[in-house]
């Protein structure tokens, strides 16, 4: 369970980073 939560958090961080980059490029 612990590992799953950690992976989820890392995934969210990665997705957020990509989304932020996309938004910046779009503007």
Protein backbone atom coordinates (compact mmCIF):
# COMPACT_ATOMS: atom_id res chain seq x y z
CA UNK A 1 0.00 0.00 0.00
CA UNK A 2 2.75 2.42 0.95
CA UNK A 3 4.50 1.94 -2.36
CA UNK A 4 1.29 2.53 -4.28
CA UNK A 5 0.69 5.82 -2.50
CA UNK A 6 4.26 6.94 -3.12
CA UNK A 7 3.99 6.10 -6.81
CA UNK A 8 0.68 7.95 -7.02
CA UNK A 9 2.24 11.07 -5.50
CA UNK A 10 5.20 10.89 -7.88
CA UNK A 11 2.86 10.43 -10.84
CA UNK A 12 0.79 13.44 -9.80
CA UNK A 13 3.94 15.55 -9.49
CA UNK A 14 5.13 14.45 -12.94
CA UNK A 15 1.75 15.12 -14.52
CA UNK A 16 1.58 18.54 -12.86
CA UNK A 17 5.03 19.42 -14.20
CA UNK A 18 4.08 18.41 -17.74
CA UNK A 19 0.77 20.26 -17.51
CA UNK A 20 2.54 23.41 -16.27
CA UNK A 21 4.99 23.24 -19.18
CA UNK A 22 2.13 22.78 -21.65
CA UNK A 23 0.22 25.74 -20.22
CA UNK A 24 3.34 27.93 -20.41
CA UNK A 25 3.98 26.93 -24.02
CA UNK A 26 0.35 27.55 -24.94
CA UNK A 27 0.43 31.13 -23.58
